[in-house]
PDBML (XML) file of the C-alpha atoms, coordinates in Angstrom:
<?xml version="1.0" encoding="UTF-8" ?>
<PDBx:datablock datablockName="MODEL"
   xmlns:PDBx="http://pdbml.pdb.org/schema/pdbx-v50.xsd"
   xmlns:xsi="http://www.w3.org/2001/XMLSchema-instance"
   xsi:schemaLocation="http://pdbml.pdb.org/schema/pdbx-v50.xsd pdbx-v50.xsd">
   <PDBx:atom_siteCategory>
      <PDBx:atom_site id="1">
         <PDBx:B_iso_or_equiv>0.00</PDBx:B_iso_or_equiv>
         <PDBx:Cartn_x>-6.647</PDBx:Cartn_x>
         <PDBx:Cartn_y>0.975</PDBx:Cartn_y>
         <PDBx:Cartn_z>6.923</PDBx:Cartn_z>
         <PDBx:auth_asym_id>A</PDBx:auth_asym_id>
         <PDBx:auth_atom_id>CA</PDBx:auth_atom_id>
         <PDBx:auth_comp_id>PHE</PDBx:auth_comp_id>
         <PDBx:auth_seq_id>1</PDBx:auth_seq_id>
         <PDBx:group_PDB>ATOM</PDBx:group_PDB>
         <PDBx:label_alt_id xsi:nil="true" />
         <PDBx:label_asym_id>A</PDBx:label_asym_id>
         <PDBx:label_atom_id>CA</PDBx:label_atom_id>
         <PDBx:label_comp_id>PHE</PDBx:label_comp_id>
         <PDBx:label_entity_id>1</PDBx:label_entity_id>
         <PDBx:label_seq_id>1</PDBx:label_seq_id>
         <PDBx:occupancy>1.00</PDBx:occupancy>
         <PDBx:pdbx_PDB_model_num>1</PDBx:pdbx_PDB_model_num>
         <PDBx:type_symbol>C</PDBx:type_symbol>
      </PDBx:atom_site>
      <PDBx:atom_site id="2">
         <PDBx:B_iso_or_equiv>0.00</PDBx:B_iso_or_equiv>
         <PDBx:Cartn_x>-4.925</PDBx:Cartn_x>
         <PDBx:Cartn_y>-2.178</PDBx:Cartn_y>
         <PDBx:Cartn_z>5.684</PDBx:Cartn_z>
         <PDBx:auth_asym_id>A</PDBx:auth_asym_id>
         <PDBx:auth_atom_id>CA</PDBx:auth_atom_id>
         <PDBx:auth_comp_id>PHE</PDBx:auth_comp_id>
         <PDBx:auth_seq_id>2</PDBx:auth_seq_id>
         <PDBx:group_PDB>ATOM</PDBx:group_PDB>
         <PDBx:label_alt_id xsi:nil="true" />
         <PDBx:label_asym_id>A</PDBx:label_asym_id>
         <PDBx:label_atom_id>CA</PDBx:label_atom_id>
         <PDBx:label_comp_id>PHE</PDBx:label_comp_id>
         <PDBx:label_entity_id>1</PDBx:label_entity_id>
         <PDBx:label_seq_id>2</PDBx:label_seq_id>
         <PDBx:occupancy>1.00</PDBx:occupancy>
         <PDBx:pdbx_PDB_model_num>1</PDBx:pdbx_PDB_model_num>
         <PDBx:type_symbol>C</PDBx:type_symbol>
      </PDBx:atom_site>
      <PDBx:atom_site id="3">
         <PDBx:B_iso_or_equiv>0.00</PDBx:B_iso_or_equiv>
         <PDBx:Cartn_x>-1.681</PDBx:Cartn_x>
         <PDBx:Cartn_y>-1.568</PDBx:Cartn_y>
         <PDBx:Cartn_z>3.720</PDBx:Cartn_z>
         <PDBx:auth_asym_id>A</PDBx:auth_asym_id>
         <PDBx:auth_atom_id>CA</PDBx:auth_atom_id>
         <PDBx:auth_comp_id>VAL</PDBx:auth_comp_id>
         <PDBx:auth_seq_id>3</PDBx:auth_seq_id>
         <PDBx:group_PDB>ATOM</PDBx:group_PDB>
         <PDBx:label_alt_id xsi:nil="true" />
         <PDBx:label_asym_id>A</PDBx:label_asym_id>
         <PDBx:label_atom_id>CA</PDBx:label_atom_id>
         <PDBx:label_comp_id>VAL</PDBx:label_comp_id>
         <PDBx:label_entity_id>1</PDBx:label_entity_id>
         <PDBx:label_seq_id>3</PDBx:label_seq_id>
         <PDBx:occupancy>1.00</PDBx:occupancy>
         <PDBx:pdbx_PDB_model_num>1</PDBx:pdbx_PDB_model_num>
         <PDBx:type_symbol>C</PDBx:type_symbol>
      </PDBx:atom_site>
      <PDBx:atom_site id="4">
         <PDBx:B_iso_or_equiv>0.00</PDBx:B_iso_or_equiv>
         <PDBx:Cartn_x>1.386</PDBx:Cartn_x>
         <PDBx:Cartn_y>-1.358</PDBx:Cartn_y>
         <PDBx:Cartn_z>5.994</PDBx:Cartn_z>
         <PDBx:auth_asym_id>A</PDBx:auth_asym_id>
         <PDBx:auth_atom_id>CA</PDBx:auth_atom_id>
         <PDBx:auth_comp_id>PRO</PDBx:auth_comp_id>
         <PDBx:auth_seq_id>4</PDBx:auth_seq_id>
         <PDBx:group_PDB>ATOM</PDBx:group_PDB>
         <PDBx:label_alt_id xsi:nil="true" />
         <PDBx:label_asym_id>A</PDBx:label_asym_id>
         <PDBx:label_atom_id>CA</PDBx:label_atom_id>
         <PDBx:label_comp_id>PRO</PDBx:label_comp_id>
         <PDBx:label_entity_id>1</PDBx:label_entity_id>
         <PDBx:label_seq_id>4</PDBx:label_seq_id>
         <PDBx:occupancy>1.00</PDBx:occupancy>
         <PDBx:pdbx_PDB_model_num>1</PDBx:pdbx_PDB_model_num>
         <PDBx:type_symbol>C</PDBx:type_symbol>
      </PDBx:atom_site>
      <PDBx:atom_site id="5">
         <PDBx:B_iso_or_equiv>0.00</PDBx:B_iso_or_equiv>
         <PDBx:Cartn_x>2.189</PDBx:Cartn_x>
         <PDBx:Cartn_y>0.998</PDBx:Cartn_y>
         <PDBx:Cartn_z>7.541</PDBx:Cartn_z>
         <PDBx:auth_asym_id>A</PDBx:auth_asym_id>
         <PDBx:auth_atom_id>CA</PDBx:auth_atom_id>
         <PDBx:auth_comp_id>PRO</PDBx:auth_comp_id>
         <PDBx:auth_seq_id>5</PDBx:auth_seq_id>
         <PDBx:group_PDB>ATOM</PDBx:group_PDB>
         <PDBx:label_alt_id xsi:nil="true" />
         <PDBx:label_asym_id>A</PDBx:label_asym_id>
         <PDBx:label_atom_id>CA</PDBx:label_atom_id>
         <PDBx:label_comp_id>PRO</PDBx:label_comp_id>
         <PDBx:label_entity_id>1</PDBx:label_entity_id>
         <PDBx:label_seq_id>5</PDBx:label_seq_id>
         <PDBx:occupancy>1.00</PDBx:occupancy>
         <PDBx:pdbx_PDB_model_num>1</PDBx:pdbx_PDB_model_num>
         <PDBx:type_symbol>C</PDBx:type_symbol>
      </PDBx:atom_site>
      <PDBx:atom_site id="6">
         <PDBx:B_iso_or_equiv>0.00</PDBx:B_iso_or_equiv>
         <PDBx:Cartn_x>-1.487</PDBx:Cartn_x>
         <PDBx:Cartn_y>1.100</PDBx:Cartn_y>
         <PDBx:Cartn_z>8.616</PDBx:Cartn_z>
         <PDBx:auth_asym_id>A</PDBx:auth_asym_id>
         <PDBx:auth_atom_id>CA</PDBx:auth_atom_id>
         <PDBx:auth_comp_id>ARG</PDBx:auth_comp_id>
         <PDBx:auth_seq_id>6</PDBx:auth_seq_id>
         <PDBx:group_PDB>ATOM</PDBx:group_PDB>
         <PDBx:label_alt_id xsi:nil="true" />
         <PDBx:label_asym_id>A</PDBx:label_asym_id>
         <PDBx:label_atom_id>CA</PDBx:label_atom_id>
         <PDBx:label_comp_id>ARG</PDBx:label_comp_id>
         <PDBx:label_entity_id>1</PDBx:label_entity_id>
         <PDBx:label_seq_id>6</PDBx:label_seq_id>
         <PDBx:occupancy>1.00</PDBx:occupancy>
         <PDBx:pdbx_PDB_model_num>1</PDBx:pdbx_PDB_model_num>
         <PDBx:type_symbol>C</PDBx:type_symbol>
      </PDBx:atom_site>
      <PDBx:atom_site id="7">
         <PDBx:B_iso_or_equiv>0.00</PDBx:B_iso_or_equiv>
         <PDBx:Cartn_x>-3.377</PDBx:Cartn_x>
         <PDBx:Cartn_y>4.287</PDBx:Cartn_y>
         <PDBx:Cartn_z>9.496</PDBx:Cartn_z>
         <PDBx:auth_asym_id>A</PDBx:auth_asym_id>
         <PDBx:auth_atom_id>CA</PDBx:auth_atom_id>
         <PDBx:auth_comp_id>TRP</PDBx:auth_comp_id>
         <PDBx:auth_seq_id>7</PDBx:auth_seq_id>
         <PDBx:group_PDB>ATOM</PDBx:group_PDB>
         <PDBx:label_alt_id xsi:nil="true" />
         <PDBx:label_asym_id>A</PDBx:label_asym_id>
         <PDBx:label_atom_id>CA</PDBx:label_atom_id>
         <PDBx:label_comp_id>TRP</PDBx:label_comp_id>
         <PDBx:label_entity_id>1</PDBx:label_entity_id>
         <PDBx:label_seq_id>7</PDBx:label_seq_id>
         <PDBx:occupancy>1.00</PDBx:occupancy>
         <PDBx:pdbx_PDB_model_num>1</PDBx:pdbx_PDB_model_num>
         <PDBx:type_symbol>C</PDBx:type_symbol>
      </PDBx:atom_site>
      <PDBx:atom_site id="8">
         <PDBx:B_iso_or_equiv>0.00</PDBx:B_iso_or_equiv>
         <PDBx:Cartn_x>-1.277</PDBx:Cartn_x>
         <PDBx:Cartn_y>6.270</PDBx:Cartn_y>
         <PDBx:Cartn_z>7.038</PDBx:Cartn_z>
         <PDBx:auth_asym_id>A</PDBx:auth_asym_id>
         <PDBx:auth_atom_id>CA</PDBx:auth_atom_id>
         <PDBx:auth_comp_id>THR</PDBx:auth_comp_id>
         <PDBx:auth_seq_id>8</PDBx:auth_seq_id>
         <PDBx:group_PDB>ATOM</PDBx:group_PDB>
         <PDBx:label_alt_id xsi:nil="true" />
         <PDBx:label_asym_id>A</PDBx:label_asym_id>
         <PDBx:label_atom_id>CA</PDBx:label_atom_id>
         <PDBx:label_comp_id>THR</PDBx:label_comp_id>
         <PDBx:label_entity_id>1</PDBx:label_entity_id>
         <PDBx:label_seq_id>8</PDBx:label_seq_id>
         <PDBx:occupancy>1.00</PDBx:occupancy>
         <PDBx:pdbx_PDB_model_num>1</PDBx:pdbx_PDB_model_num>
         <PDBx:type_symbol>C</PDBx:type_symbol>
      </PDBx:atom_site>
      <PDBx:atom_site id="9">
         <PDBx:B_iso_or_equiv>0.00</PDBx:B_iso_or_equiv>
         <PDBx:Cartn_x>-1.231</PDBx:Cartn_x>
         <PDBx:Cartn_y>6.784</PDBx:Cartn_y>
         <PDBx:Cartn_z>3.313</PDBx:Cartn_z>
         <PDBx:auth_asym_id>A</PDBx:auth_asym_id>
         <PDBx:auth_atom_id>CA</PDBx:auth_atom_id>
         <PDBx:auth_comp_id>PHE</PDBx:auth_comp_id>
         <PDBx:auth_seq_id>9</PDBx:auth_seq_id>
         <PDBx:group_PDB>ATOM</PDBx:group_PDB>
         <PDBx:label_alt_id xsi:nil="true" />
         <PDBx:label_asym_id>A</PDBx:label_asym_id>
         <PDBx:label_atom_id>CA</PDBx:label_atom_id>
         <PDBx:label_comp_id>PHE</PDBx:label_comp_id>
         <PDBx:label_entity_id>1</PDBx:label_entity_id>
         <PDBx:label_seq_id>9</PDBx:label_seq_id>
         <PDBx:occupancy>1.00</PDBx:occupancy>
         <PDBx:pdbx_PDB_model_num>1</PDBx:pdbx_PDB_model_num>
         <PDBx:type_symbol>C</PDBx:type_symbol>
      </PDBx:atom_site>
      <PDBx:atom_site id="10">
         <PDBx:B_iso_or_equiv>0.00</PDBx:B_iso_or_equiv>
         <PDBx:Cartn_x>2.418</PDBx:Cartn_x>
         <PDBx:Cartn_y>5.682</PDBx:Cartn_y>
         <PDBx:Cartn_z>3.082</PDBx:Cartn_z>
         <PDBx:auth_asym_id>A</PDBx:auth_asym_id>
         <PDBx:auth_atom_id>CA</PDBx:auth_atom_id>
         <PDBx:auth_comp_id>GLN</PDBx:auth_comp_id>
         <PDBx:auth_seq_id>10</PDBx:auth_seq_id>
         <PDBx:group_PDB>ATOM</PDBx:group_PDB>
         <PDBx:label_alt_id xsi:nil="true" />
         <PDBx:label_asym_id>A</PDBx:label_asym_id>
         <PDBx:label_atom_id>CA</PDBx:label_atom_id>
         <PDBx:label_comp_id>GLN</PDBx:label_comp_id>
         <PDBx:label_entity_id>1</PDBx:label_entity_id>
         <PDBx:label_seq_id>10</PDBx:label_seq_id>
         <PDBx:occupancy>1.00</PDBx:occupancy>
         <PDBx:pdbx_PDB_model_num>1</PDBx:pdbx_PDB_model_num>
         <PDBx:type_symbol>C</PDBx:type_symbol>
      </PDBx:atom_site>
      <PDBx:atom_site id="11">
         <PDBx:B_iso_or_equiv>0.00</PDBx:B_iso_or_equiv>
         <PDBx:Cartn_x>3.450</PDBx:Cartn_x>
         <PDBx:Cartn_y>2.392</PDBx:Cartn_y>
         <PDBx:Cartn_z>1.402</PDBx:Cartn_z>
         <PDBx:auth_asym_id>A</PDBx:auth_asym_id>
         <PDBx:auth_atom_id>CA</PDBx:auth_atom_id>
         <PDBx:auth_comp_id>VAL</PDBx:auth_comp_id>
         <PDBx:auth_seq_id>11</PDBx:auth_seq_id>
         <PDBx:group_PDB>ATOM</PDBx:group_PDB>
         <PDBx:label_alt_id xsi:nil="true" />
         <PDBx:label_asym_id>A</PDBx:label_asym_id>
         <PDBx:label_atom_id>CA</PDBx:label_atom_id>
         <PDBx:label_comp_id>VAL</PDBx:label_comp_id>
         <PDBx:label_entity_id>1</PDBx:label_entity_id>
         <PDBx:label_seq_id>11</PDBx:label_seq_id>
         <PDBx:occupancy>1.00</PDBx:occupancy>
         <PDBx:pdbx_PDB_model_num>1</PDBx:pdbx_PDB_model_num>
         <PDBx:type_symbol>C</PDBx:type_symbol>
      </PDBx:atom_site>
      <PDBx:atom_site id="12">
         <PDBx:B_iso_or_equiv>0.00</PDBx:B_iso_or_equiv>
         <PDBx:Cartn_x>6.454</PDBx:Cartn_x>
         <PDBx:Cartn_y>0.609</PDBx:Cartn_y>
         <PDBx:Cartn_z>2.816</PDBx:Cartn_z>
         <PDBx:auth_asym_id>A</PDBx:auth_asym_id>
         <PDBx:auth_atom_id>CA</PDBx:auth_atom_id>
         <PDBx:auth_comp_id>GLU</PDBx:auth_comp_id>
         <PDBx:auth_seq_id>12</PDBx:auth_seq_id>
         <PDBx:group_PDB>ATOM</PDBx:group_PDB>
         <PDBx:label_alt_id xsi:nil="true" />
         <PDBx:label_asym_id>A</PDBx:label_asym_id>
         <PDBx:label_atom_id>CA</PDBx:label_atom_id>
         <PDBx:label_comp_id>GLU</PDBx:label_comp_id>
         <PDBx:label_entity_id>1</PDBx:label_entity_id>
         <PDBx:label_seq_id>12</PDBx:label_seq_id>
         <PDBx:occupancy>1.00</PDBx:occupancy>
         <PDBx:pdbx_PDB_model_num>1</PDBx:pdbx_PDB_model_num>
         <PDBx:type_symbol>C</PDBx:type_symbol>
      </PDBx:atom_site>
      <PDBx:atom_site id="13">
         <PDBx:B_iso_or_equiv>0.00</PDBx:B_iso_or_equiv>
         <PDBx:Cartn_x>7.165</PDBx:Cartn_x>
         <PDBx:Cartn_y>-1.945</PDBx:Cartn_y>
         <PDBx:Cartn_z>0.090</PDBx:Cartn_z>
         <PDBx:auth_asym_id>A</PDBx:auth_asym_id>
         <PDBx:auth_atom_id>CA</PDBx:auth_atom_id>
         <PDBx:auth_comp_id>SER</PDBx:auth_comp_id>
         <PDBx:auth_seq_id>13</PDBx:auth_seq_id>
         <PDBx:group_PDB>ATOM</PDBx:group_PDB>
         <PDBx:label_alt_id xsi:nil="true" />
         <PDBx:label_asym_id>A</PDBx:label_asym_id>
         <PDBx:label_atom_id>CA</PDBx:label_atom_id>
         <PDBx:label_comp_id>SER</PDBx:label_comp_id>
         <PDBx:label_entity_id>1</PDBx:label_entity_id>
         <PDBx:label_seq_id>13</PDBx:label_seq_id>
         <PDBx:occupancy>1.00</PDBx:occupancy>
         <PDBx:pdbx_PDB_model_num>1</PDBx:pdbx_PDB_model_num>
         <PDBx:type_symbol>C</PDBx:type_symbol>
      </PDBx:atom_site>
      <PDBx:atom_site id="14">
         <PDBx:B_iso_or_equiv>0.00</PDBx:B_iso_or_equiv>
         <PDBx:Cartn_x>7.186</PDBx:Cartn_x>
         <PDBx:Cartn_y>-1.945</PDBx:Cartn_y>
         <PDBx:Cartn_z>-3.676</PDBx:Cartn_z>
         <PDBx:auth_asym_id>A</PDBx:auth_asym_id>
         <PDBx:auth_atom_id>CA</PDBx:auth_atom_id>
         <PDBx:auth_comp_id>SER</PDBx:auth_comp_id>
         <PDBx:auth_seq_id>14</PDBx:auth_seq_id>
         <PDBx:group_PDB>ATOM</PDBx:group_PDB>
         <PDBx:label_alt_id xsi:nil="true" />
         <PDBx:label_asym_id>A</PDBx:label_asym_id>
         <PDBx:label_atom_id>CA</PDBx:label_atom_id>
         <PDBx:label_comp_id>SER</PDBx:label_comp_id>
         <PDBx:label_entity_id>1</PDBx:label_entity_id>
         <PDBx:label_seq_id>14</PDBx:label_seq_id>
         <PDBx:occupancy>1.00</PDBx:occupancy>
         <PDBx:pdbx_PDB_model_num>1</PDBx:pdbx_PDB_model_num>
         <PDBx:type_symbol>C</PDBx:type_symbol>
      </PDBx:atom_site>
      <PDBx:atom_site id="15">
         <PDBx:B_iso_or_equiv>0.00</PDBx:B_iso_or_equiv>
         <PDBx:Cartn_x>4.983</PDBx:Cartn_x>
         <PDBx:Cartn_y>-5.040</PDBx:Cartn_y>
         <PDBx:Cartn_z>-3.623</PDBx:Cartn_z>
         <PDBx:auth_asym_id>A</PDBx:auth_asym_id>
         <PDBx:auth_atom_id>CA</PDBx:auth_atom_id>
         <PDBx:auth_comp_id>GLU</PDBx:auth_comp_id>
         <PDBx:auth_seq_id>15</PDBx:auth_seq_id>
         <PDBx:group_PDB>ATOM</PDBx:group_PDB>
         <PDBx:label_alt_id xsi:nil="true" />
         <PDBx:label_asym_id>A</PDBx:label_asym_id>
         <PDBx:label_atom_id>CA</PDBx:label_atom_id>
         <PDBx:label_comp_id>GLU</PDBx:label_comp_id>
         <PDBx:label_entity_id>1</PDBx:label_entity_id>
         <PDBx:label_seq_id>15</PDBx:label_seq_id>
         <PDBx:occupancy>1.00</PDBx:occupancy>
         <PDBx:pdbx_PDB_model_num>1</PDBx:pdbx_PDB_model_num>
         <PDBx:type_symbol>C</PDBx:type_symbol>
      </PDBx:atom_site>
      <PDBx:atom_site id="16">
         <PDBx:B_iso_or_equiv>0.00</PDBx:B_iso_or_equiv>
         <PDBx:Cartn_x>2.241</PDBx:Cartn_x>
         <PDBx:Cartn_y>-3.119</PDBx:Cartn_y>
         <PDBx:Cartn_z>-1.901</PDBx:Cartn_z>
         <PDBx:auth_asym_id>A</PDBx:auth_asym_id>
         <PDBx:auth_atom_id>CA</PDBx:auth_atom_id>
         <PDBx:auth_comp_id>ASN</PDBx:auth_comp_id>
         <PDBx:auth_seq_id>16</PDBx:auth_seq_id>
         <PDBx:group_PDB>ATOM</PDBx:group_PDB>
         <PDBx:label_alt_id xsi:nil="true" />
         <PDBx:label_asym_id>A</PDBx:label_asym_id>
         <PDBx:label_atom_id>CA</PDBx:label_atom_id>
         <PDBx:label_comp_id>ASN</PDBx:label_comp_id>
         <PDBx:label_entity_id>1</PDBx:label_entity_id>
         <PDBx:label_seq_id>16</PDBx:label_seq_id>
         <PDBx:occupancy>1.00</PDBx:occupancy>
         <PDBx:pdbx_PDB_model_num>1</PDBx:pdbx_PDB_model_num>
         <PDBx:type_symbol>C</PDBx:type_symbol>
      </PDBx:atom_site>
      <PDBx:atom_site id="17">
         <PDBx:B_iso_or_equiv>0.00</PDBx:B_iso_or_equiv>
         <PDBx:Cartn_x>2.661</PDBx:Cartn_x>
         <PDBx:Cartn_y>-0.263</PDBx:Cartn_y>
         <PDBx:Cartn_z>-4.387</PDBx:Cartn_z>
         <PDBx:auth_asym_id>A</PDBx:auth_asym_id>
         <PDBx:auth_atom_id>CA</PDBx:auth_atom_id>
         <PDBx:auth_comp_id>ILE</PDBx:auth_comp_id>
         <PDBx:auth_seq_id>17</PDBx:auth_seq_id>
         <PDBx:group_PDB>ATOM</PDBx:group_PDB>
         <PDBx:label_alt_id xsi:nil="true" />
         <PDBx:label_asym_id>A</PDBx:label_asym_id>
         <PDBx:label_atom_id>CA</PDBx:label_atom_id>
         <PDBx:label_comp_id>ILE</PDBx:label_comp_id>
         <PDBx:label_entity_id>1</PDBx:label_entity_id>
         <PDBx:label_seq_id>17</PDBx:label_seq_id>
         <PDBx:occupancy>1.00</PDBx:occupancy>
         <PDBx:pdbx_PDB_model_num>1</PDBx:pdbx_PDB_model_num>
         <PDBx:type_symbol>C</PDBx:type_symbol>
      </PDBx:atom_site>
      <PDBx:atom_site id="18">
         <PDBx:B_iso_or_equiv>0.00</PDBx:B_iso_or_equiv>
         <PDBx:Cartn_x>2.098</PDBx:Cartn_x>
         <PDBx:Cartn_y>-2.689</PDBx:Cartn_y>
         <PDBx:Cartn_z>-7.254</PDBx:Cartn_z>
         <PDBx:auth_asym_id>A</PDBx:auth_asym_id>
         <PDBx:auth_atom_id>CA</PDBx:auth_atom_id>
         <PDBx:auth_comp_id>VAL</PDBx:auth_comp_id>
         <PDBx:auth_seq_id>18</PDBx:auth_seq_id>
         <PDBx:group_PDB>ATOM</PDBx:group_PDB>
         <PDBx:label_alt_id xsi:nil="true" />
         <PDBx:label_asym_id>A</PDBx:label_asym_id>
         <PDBx:label_atom_id>CA</PDBx:label_atom_id>
         <PDBx:label_comp_id>VAL</PDBx:label_comp_id>
         <PDBx:label_entity_id>1</PDBx:label_entity_id>
         <PDBx:label_seq_id>18</PDBx:label_seq_id>
         <PDBx:occupancy>1.00</PDBx:occupancy>
         <PDBx:pdbx_PDB_model_num>1</PDBx:pdbx_PDB_model_num>
         <PDBx:type_symbol>C</PDBx:type_symbol>
      </PDBx:atom_site>
      <PDBx:atom_site id="19">
         <PDBx:B_iso_or_equiv>0.00</PDBx:B_iso_or_equiv>
         <PDBx:Cartn_x>-0.926</PDBx:Cartn_x>
         <PDBx:Cartn_y>-4.138</PDBx:Cartn_y>
         <PDBx:Cartn_z>-5.435</PDBx:Cartn_z>
         <PDBx:auth_asym_id>A</PDBx:auth_asym_id>
         <PDBx:auth_atom_id>CA</PDBx:auth_atom_id>
         <PDBx:auth_comp_id>ALA</PDBx:auth_comp_id>
         <PDBx:auth_seq_id>19</PDBx:auth_seq_id>
         <PDBx:group_PDB>ATOM</PDBx:group_PDB>
         <PDBx:label_alt_id xsi:nil="true" />
         <PDBx:label_asym_id>A</PDBx:label_asym_id>
         <PDBx:label_atom_id>CA</PDBx:label_atom_id>
         <PDBx:label_comp_id>ALA</PDBx:label_comp_id>
         <PDBx:label_entity_id>1</PDBx:label_entity_id>
         <PDBx:label_seq_id>19</PDBx:label_seq_id>
         <PDBx:occupancy>1.00</PDBx:occupancy>
         <PDBx:pdbx_PDB_model_num>1</PDBx:pdbx_PDB_model_num>
         <PDBx:type_symbol>C</PDBx:type_symbol>
      </PDBx:atom_site>
      <PDBx:atom_site id="20">
         <PDBx:B_iso_or_equiv>0.00</PDBx:B_iso_or_equiv>
         <PDBx:Cartn_x>-2.451</PDBx:Cartn_x>
         <PDBx:Cartn_y>-0.699</PDBx:Cartn_y>
         <PDBx:Cartn_z>-4.906</PDBx:Cartn_z>
         <PDBx:auth_asym_id>A</PDBx:auth_asym_id>
         <PDBx:auth_atom_id>CA</PDBx:auth_atom_id>
         <PDBx:auth_comp_id>LEU</PDBx:auth_comp_id>
         <PDBx:auth_seq_id>20</PDBx:auth_seq_id>
         <PDBx:group_PDB>ATOM</PDBx:group_PDB>
         <PDBx:label_alt_id xsi:nil="true" />
         <PDBx:label_asym_id>A</PDBx:label_asym_id>
         <PDBx:label_atom_id>CA</PDBx:label_atom_id>
         <PDBx:label_comp_id>LEU</PDBx:label_comp_id>
         <PDBx:label_entity_id>1</PDBx:label_entity_id>
         <PDBx:label_seq_id>20</PDBx:label_seq_id>
         <PDBx:occupancy>1.00</PDBx:occupancy>
         <PDBx:pdbx_PDB_model_num>1</PDBx:pdbx_PDB_model_num>
         <PDBx:type_symbol>C</PDBx:type_symbol>
      </PDBx:atom_site>
      <PDBx:atom_site id="21">
         <PDBx:B_iso_or_equiv>0.00</PDBx:B_iso_or_equiv>
         <PDBx:Cartn_x>-1.801</PDBx:Cartn_x>
         <PDBx:Cartn_y>0.289</PDBx:Cartn_y>
         <PDBx:Cartn_z>-8.524</PDBx:Cartn_z>
         <PDBx:auth_asym_id>A</PDBx:auth_asym_id>
         <PDBx:auth_atom_id>CA</PDBx:auth_atom_id>
         <PDBx:auth_comp_id>ALA</PDBx:auth_comp_id>
         <PDBx:auth_seq_id>21</PDBx:auth_seq_id>
         <PDBx:group_PDB>ATOM</PDBx:group_PDB>
         <PDBx:label_alt_id xsi:nil="true" />
         <PDBx:label_asym_id>A</PDBx:label_asym_id>
         <PDBx:label_atom_id>CA</PDBx:label_atom_id>
         <PDBx:label_comp_id>ALA</PDBx:label_comp_id>
         <PDBx:label_entity_id>1</PDBx:label_entity_id>
         <PDBx:label_seq_id>21</PDBx:label_seq_id>
         <PDBx:occupancy>1.00</PDBx:occupancy>
         <PDBx:pdbx_PDB_model_num>1</PDBx:pdbx_PDB_model_num>
         <PDBx:type_symbol>C</PDBx:type_symbol>
      </PDBx:atom_site>
      <PDBx:atom_site id="22">
         <PDBx:B_iso_or_equiv>0.00</PDBx:B_iso_or_equiv>
         <PDBx:Cartn_x>-3.322</PDBx:Cartn_x>
         <PDBx:Cartn_y>-2.964</PDBx:Cartn_y>
         <PDBx:Cartn_z>-9.758</PDBx:Cartn_z>
         <PDBx:auth_asym_id>A</PDBx:auth_asym_id>
         <PDBx:auth_atom_id>CA</PDBx:auth_atom_id>
         <PDBx:auth_comp_id>THR</PDBx:auth_comp_id>
         <PDBx:auth_seq_id>22</PDBx:auth_seq_id>
         <PDBx:group_PDB>ATOM</PDBx:group_PDB>
         <PDBx:label_alt_id xsi:nil="true" />
         <PDBx:label_asym_id>A</PDBx:label_asym_id>
         <PDBx:label_atom_id>CA</PDBx:label_atom_id>
         <PDBx:label_comp_id>THR</PDBx:label_comp_id>
         <PDBx:label_entity_id>1</PDBx:label_entity_id>
         <PDBx:label_seq_id>22</PDBx:label_seq_id>
         <PDBx:occupancy>1.00</PDBx:occupancy>
         <PDBx:pdbx_PDB_model_num>1</PDBx:pdbx_PDB_model_num>
         <PDBx:type_symbol>C</PDBx:type_symbol>
      </PDBx:atom_site>
      <PDBx:atom_site id="23">
         <PDBx:B_iso_or_equiv>0.00</PDBx:B_iso_or_equiv>
         <PDBx:Cartn_x>-6.322</PDBx:Cartn_x>
         <PDBx:Cartn_y>-2.517</PDBx:Cartn_y>
         <PDBx:Cartn_z>-7.481</PDBx:Cartn_z>
         <PDBx:auth_asym_id>A</PDBx:auth_asym_id>
         <PDBx:auth_atom_id>CA</PDBx:auth_atom_id>
         <PDBx:auth_comp_id>MET</PDBx:auth_comp_id>
         <PDBx:auth_seq_id>23</PDBx:auth_seq_id>
         <PDBx:group_PDB>ATOM</PDBx:group_PDB>
         <PDBx:label_alt_id xsi:nil="true" />
         <PDBx:label_asym_id>A</PDBx:label_asym_id>
         <PDBx:label_atom_id>CA</PDBx:label_atom_id>
         <PDBx:label_comp_id>MET</PDBx:label_comp_id>
         <PDBx:label_entity_id>1</PDBx:label_entity_id>
         <PDBx:label_seq_id>23</PDBx:label_seq_id>
         <PDBx:occupancy>1.00</PDBx:occupancy>
         <PDBx:pdbx_PDB_model_num>1</PDBx:pdbx_PDB_model_num>
         <PDBx:type_symbol>C</PDBx:type_symbol>
      </PDBx:atom_site>
      <PDBx:atom_site id="24">
         <PDBx:B_iso_or_equiv>0.00</PDBx:B_iso_or_equiv>
         <PDBx:Cartn_x>-6.783</PDBx:Cartn_x>
         <PDBx:Cartn_y>1.037</PDBx:Cartn_y>
         <PDBx:Cartn_z>-8.770</PDBx:Cartn_z>
         <PDBx:auth_asym_id>A</PDBx:auth_asym_id>
         <PDBx:auth_atom_id>CA</PDBx:auth_atom_id>
         <PDBx:auth_comp_id>SER</PDBx:auth_comp_id>
         <PDBx:auth_seq_id>24</PDBx:auth_seq_id>
         <PDBx:group_PDB>ATOM</PDBx:group_PDB>
         <PDBx:label_alt_id xsi:nil="true" />
         <PDBx:label_asym_id>A</PDBx:label_asym_id>
         <PDBx:label_atom_id>CA</PDBx:label_atom_id>
         <PDBx:label_comp_id>SER</PDBx:label_comp_id>
         <PDBx:label_entity_id>1</PDBx:label_entity_id>
         <PDBx:label_seq_id>24</PDBx:label_seq_id>
         <PDBx:occupancy>1.00</PDBx:occupancy>
         <PDBx:pdbx_PDB_model_num>1</PDBx:pdbx_PDB_model_num>
         <PDBx:type_symbol>C</PDBx:type_symbol>
      </PDBx:atom_site>
   </PDBx:atom_siteCategory>
</PDBx:datablock>
């Protein structure tokens, strides 16, 4: 719902990947 690109499970930037991994 919130990580670009929204409404998909894709992650467009490595920064967001790190954020998701950290959040996990």
